[in-house]
Amino acid sequence: DRSSEQVTRHRDRLEYCSGMELEARTAQLFEHFSTQEFDGVSDLFAPDAGVRQNSNPEHGIDGLLTMIQGLKRDGVSVEYSDIRRNVGDRFVVEQHIVRLTRPDGVSASTDACVVVHFDDAGLISGLHEYVDTAAFAALFA
């Protein structure tokens, strides 16, 4: 079971991760999204992590994986630029421009703000994304 595997894997970690570690973990997460290589994404999250986009209901990591794997399945590439990160005590706030591009070359971009919360073991315990999803409406019409 994923939960017990994570506990075993992270049992010997320090109870507090440095800001540099949290920033690196955040960069690693978005690297998975942009390369669309999702092996290992679940390992970055605590078993009970909550994910929320805008004011939509919170869901778990499975909902996030379904969404990002759907983009890959549809041939939509993801690119991040103008990345800015602020690191706090067990959280990282990332602002960036996200560009989605369909296989036919049609693309759209918008600003996004993502707040990533970490637990004592350095696993993502919450991810809250704020993005103008209407900017991407034409891509999926």
C-alpha atoms as a PDB file:
ATOM      1  CA  ASP A   1       0.000   0.000   0.000  1.00  0.00           C
ATOM      2  CA  ARG A   2       1.325   3.387  -1.048  1.00  0.00           C
ATOM      3  CA  SER A   3       0.894   4.920   2.395  1.00  0.00           C
ATOM      4  CA  SER A   4       3.061   2.395   4.237  1.00  0.00           C
ATOM      5  CA  GLU A   5       5.670   2.465   1.465  1.00  0.00           C
ATOM      6  CA  GLN A   6       6.007   6.236   1.838  1.00  0.00           C
ATOM      7  CA  VAL A   7       6.270   6.040   5.607  1.00  0.00           C
ATOM      8  CA  THR A   8       9.030   3.436   5.285  1.00  0.00           C
ATOM      9  CA  ARG A   9      10.838   5.390   2.580  1.00  0.00           C
ATOM     10  CA  HIS A  10      10.748   8.676   4.495  1.00  0.00           C
ATOM     11  CA  ARG A  11      11.119   7.343   8.038  1.00  0.00           C
ATOM     12  CA  ASP A  12      14.758   8.367   8.300  1.00  0.00           C
ATOM     13  CA  ARG A  13      14.288  11.877   6.910  1.00  0.00           C
ATOM     14  CA  LEU A  14      14.710  14.899   9.095  1.00  0.00           C
ATOM     15  CA  GLU A  15      11.435  16.237  10.415  1.00  0.00           C
ATOM     16  CA  TYR A  16      12.050  19.572   8.731  1.00  0.00           C
ATOM     17  CA  CYS A  17      13.138  20.251   5.170  1.00  0.00           C
ATOM     18  CA  SER A  18      15.112  23.359   4.335  1.00  0.00           C
ATOM     19  CA  GLY A  19      13.727  26.022   2.040  1.00  0.00           C
ATOM     20  CA  MET A  20      16.138  24.873  -0.667  1.00  0.00           C
ATOM     21  CA  GLU A  21      14.748  21.325  -0.421  1.00  0.00           C
ATOM     22  CA  LEU A  22      11.163  22.564  -0.643  1.00  0.00           C
ATOM     23  CA  GLU A  23      11.996  24.731  -3.644  1.00  0.00           C
ATOM     24  CA  ALA A  24      13.735  21.777  -5.324  1.00  0.00           C
ATOM     25  CA  ARG A  25      10.728  19.518  -4.682  1.00  0.00           C
ATOM     26  CA  THR A  26       8.417  22.139  -6.177  1.00  0.00           C
ATOM     27  CA  ALA A  27      10.657  22.435  -9.246  1.00  0.00           C
ATOM     28  CA  GLN A  28      10.669  18.636  -9.538  1.00  0.00           C
ATOM     29  CA  LEU A  29       6.856  18.535  -9.475  1.00  0.00           C
ATOM     30  CA  PHE A  30       6.507  21.069 -12.290  1.00  0.00           C
ATOM     31  CA  GLU A  31       9.265  19.330 -14.250  1.00  0.00           C
ATOM     32  CA  HIS A  32       7.112  16.168 -14.180  1.00  0.00           C
ATOM     33  CA  PHE A  33       4.189  18.186 -15.522  1.00  0.00           C
ATOM     34  CA  SER A  34       6.156  19.860 -18.319  1.00  0.00           C
ATOM     35  CA  THR A  35       7.976  16.690 -19.458  1.00  0.00           C
ATOM     36  CA  GLN A  36       4.768  14.684 -19.027  1.00  0.00           C
ATOM     37  CA  GLU A  37       6.738  11.904 -17.366  1.00  0.00           C
ATOM     38  CA  PHE A  38       4.562  11.051 -14.399  1.00  0.00           C
ATOM     39  CA  ASP A  39       6.437   8.169 -12.760  1.00  0.00           C
ATOM     40  CA  GLY A  40       7.352   9.386  -9.312  1.00  0.00           C
ATOM     41  CA  VAL A  41       4.754  12.170  -9.054  1.00  0.00           C
ATOM     42  CA  SER A  42       2.768  10.253  -6.434  1.00  0.00           C
ATOM     43  CA  ASP A  43       5.937   9.807  -4.369  1.00  0.00           C
ATOM     44  CA  LEU A  44       6.130  13.587  -3.905  1.00  0.00           C
ATOM     45  CA  PHE A  45       2.717  13.657  -2.170  1.00  0.00           C
ATOM     46  CA  ALA A  46       1.573  12.602   1.281  1.00  0.00           C
ATOM     47  CA  PRO A  47      -1.098   9.863   1.078  1.00  0.00           C
ATOM     48  CA  ASP A  48      -3.867  12.209   2.261  1.00  0.00           C
ATOM     49  CA  ALA A  49      -2.768  15.266   0.257  1.00  0.00           C
ATOM     50  CA  GLY A  50      -5.509  17.576  -0.958  1.00  0.00           C
ATOM     51  CA  VAL A  51      -5.511  19.252  -4.365  1.00  0.00           C
ATOM     52  CA  ARG A  52      -7.728  22.187  -5.244  1.00  0.00           C
ATOM     53  CA  GLN A  53      -8.027  24.386  -8.329  1.00  0.00           C
ATOM     54  CA  ASN A  54      -9.686  27.773  -7.864  1.00  0.00           C
ATOM     55  CA  SER A  55     -12.886  27.287  -5.861  1.00  0.00           C
ATOM     56  CA  ASN A  56     -13.551  23.733  -7.059  1.00  0.00           C
ATOM     57  CA  PRO A  57     -13.926  20.961  -4.491  1.00  0.00           C
ATOM     58  CA  GLU A  58     -10.733  19.500  -3.083  1.00  0.00           C
ATOM     59  CA  HIS A  59      -9.693  16.093  -4.401  1.00  0.00           C
ATOM     60  CA  GLY A  60      -6.726  13.793  -3.948  1.00  0.00           C
ATOM     61  CA  ILE A  61      -3.658  13.062  -6.039  1.00  0.00           C
ATOM     62  CA  ASP A  62      -5.647  10.685  -8.258  1.00  0.00           C
ATOM     63  CA  GLY A  63      -7.743  13.587  -9.582  1.00  0.00           C
ATOM     64  CA  LEU A  64      -4.606  15.578 -10.358  1.00  0.00           C
ATOM     65  CA  LEU A  65      -3.006  12.633 -12.158  1.00  0.00           C
ATOM     66  CA  THR A  66      -6.172  12.047 -14.192  1.00  0.00           C
ATOM     67  CA  MET A  67      -6.141  15.672 -15.358  1.00  0.00           C
ATOM     68  CA  ILE A  68      -2.453  15.859 -16.297  1.00  0.00           C
ATOM     69  CA  GLN A  69      -2.419  12.422 -17.917  1.00  0.00           C
ATOM     70  CA  GLY A  70      -5.463  13.513 -19.951  1.00  0.00           C
ATOM     71  CA  LEU A  71      -3.461  16.428 -21.357  1.00  0.00           C
ATOM     72  CA  LYS A  72      -0.714  14.030 -22.439  1.00  0.00           C
ATOM     73  CA  ARG A  73      -3.245  11.595 -23.920  1.00  0.00           C
ATOM     74  CA  ASP A  74      -4.728  14.452 -25.971  1.00  0.00           C
ATOM     75  CA  GLY A  75      -1.266  15.533 -27.149  1.00  0.00           C
ATOM     76  CA  VAL A  76      -1.388  18.848 -25.276  1.00  0.00           C
ATOM     77  CA  SER A  77       2.047  20.053 -24.231  1.00  0.00           C
ATOM     78  CA  VAL A  78       2.618  22.080 -21.070  1.00  0.00           C
ATOM     79  CA  GLU A  79       5.244  24.801 -20.735  1.00  0.00           C
ATOM     80  CA  TYR A  80       6.052  27.050 -17.784  1.00  0.00           C
ATOM     81  CA  SER A  81       7.851  30.379 -18.034  1.00  0.00           C
ATOM     82  CA  ASP A  82       8.511  33.469 -15.936  1.00  0.00           C
ATOM     83  CA  ILE A  83       8.737  31.221 -12.870  1.00  0.00           C
ATOM     84  CA  ARG A  84       8.908  32.958  -9.499  1.00  0.00           C
ATOM     85  CA  ARG A  85       9.036  31.079  -6.206  1.00  0.00           C
ATOM     86  CA  ASN A  86       8.747  32.290  -2.637  1.00  0.00           C
ATOM     87  CA  VAL A  87       9.615  29.797   0.061  1.00  0.00           C
ATOM     88  CA  GLY A  88       8.112  29.925   3.533  1.00  0.00           C
ATOM     89  CA  ASP A  89       7.924  27.635   6.520  1.00  0.00           C
ATOM     90  CA  ARG A  90       6.663  24.352   4.985  1.00  0.00           C
ATOM     91  CA  PHE A  91       5.211  26.006   1.878  1.00  0.00           C
ATOM     92  CA  VAL A  92       6.226  27.347  -1.529  1.00  0.00           C
ATOM     93  CA  VAL A  93       4.243  29.881  -3.536  1.00  0.00           C
ATOM     94  CA  GLU A  94       4.991  29.617  -7.246  1.00  0.00           C
ATOM     95  CA  GLN A  95       3.807  32.129  -9.823  1.00  0.00           C
ATOM     96  CA  HIS A  96       4.339  31.366 -13.488  1.00  0.00           C
ATOM     97  CA  ILE A  97       2.907  31.629 -16.955  1.00  0.00           C
ATOM     98  CA  VAL A  98       1.537  28.315 -18.161  1.00  0.00           C
ATOM     99  CA  ARG A  99       1.169  27.669 -21.885  1.00  0.00           C
ATOM    100  CA  LEU A 100      -0.826  24.745 -23.241  1.00  0.00           C
ATOM    101  CA  THR A 101      -0.312  23.809 -26.886  1.00  0.00           C
ATOM    102  CA  ARG A 102      -2.390  21.348 -28.903  1.00  0.00           C
ATOM    103  CA  PRO A 103      -0.795  19.099 -31.554  1.00  0.00           C
ATOM    104  CA  ASP A 104      -2.185  21.408 -34.289  1.00  0.00           C
ATOM    105  CA  GLY A 105      -0.135  24.297 -32.850  1.00  0.00           C
ATOM    106  CA  VAL A 106      -3.023  26.206 -31.286  1.00  0.00           C
ATOM    107  CA  SER A 107      -1.949  27.446 -27.869  1.00  0.00           C
ATOM    108  CA  ALA A 108      -3.097  29.605 -25.003  1.00  0.00           C
ATOM    109  CA  SER A 109      -1.386  30.915 -21.900  1.00  0.00           C
ATOM    110  CA  THR A 110      -2.225  32.624 -18.649  1.00  0.00           C
ATOM    111  CA  ASP A 111      -0.734  33.486 -15.282  1.00  0.00           C
ATOM    112  CA  ALA A 112      -1.062  30.962 -12.488  1.00  0.00           C
ATOM    113  CA  CYS A 113      -0.332  30.949  -8.782  1.00  0.00           C
ATOM    114  CA  VAL A 114       0.221  27.651  -7.007  1.00  0.00           C
ATOM    115  CA  VAL A 115       0.590  27.245  -3.256  1.00  0.00           C
ATOM    116  CA  VAL A 116       2.331  23.996  -2.310  1.00  0.00           C
ATOM    117  CA  HIS A 117       2.188  22.914   1.346  1.00  0.00           C
ATOM    118  CA  PHE A 118       4.585  20.329   2.782  1.00  0.00           C
ATOM    119  CA  ASP A 119       4.397  18.050   5.797  1.00  0.00           C
ATOM    120  CA  ASP A 120       7.230  17.410   8.261  1.00  0.00           C
ATOM    121  CA  ALA A 121       8.689  14.702   6.011  1.00  0.00           C
ATOM    122  CA  GLY A 122       8.875  17.076   3.036  1.00  0.00           C
ATOM    123  CA  LEU A 123       5.947  15.483   1.191  1.00  0.00           C
ATOM    124  CA  ILE A 124       3.330  17.648  -0.474  1.00  0.00           C
ATOM    125  CA  SER A 125       0.322  17.793   1.831  1.00  0.00           C
ATOM    126  CA  GLY A 126      -1.673  20.302  -0.194  1.00  0.00           C
ATOM    127  CA  LEU A 127      -1.584  21.919  -3.620  1.00  0.00           C
ATOM    128  CA  HIS A 128      -3.833  24.866  -4.391  1.00  0.00           C
ATOM    129  CA  GLU A 129      -3.771  26.311  -7.910  1.00  0.00           C
ATOM    130  CA  TYR A 130      -5.300  29.612  -8.906  1.00  0.00           C
ATOM    131  CA  VAL A 131      -5.561  30.059 -12.669  1.00  0.00           C
ATOM    132  CA  ASP A 132      -7.939  31.664 -15.161  1.00  0.00           C
ATOM    133  CA  THR A 133      -9.204  28.465 -16.771  1.00  0.00           C
ATOM    134  CA  ALA A 134     -11.328  30.513 -19.203  1.00  0.00           C
ATOM    135  CA  ALA A 135      -8.059  31.388 -20.973  1.00  0.00           C
ATOM    136  CA  PHE A 136      -7.879  27.749 -22.128  1.00  0.00           C
ATOM    137  CA  ALA A 137     -11.521  27.362 -23.178  1.00  0.00           C
ATOM    138  CA  ALA A 138     -10.760  27.646 -26.919  1.00  0.00           C
ATOM    139  CA  LEU A 139      -8.263  24.772 -26.696  1.00  0.00           C
ATOM    140  CA  PHE A 140     -10.878  22.339 -25.470  1.00  0.00           C
ATOM    141  CA  ALA A 141     -13.977  23.504 -27.349  1.00  0.00           C
END
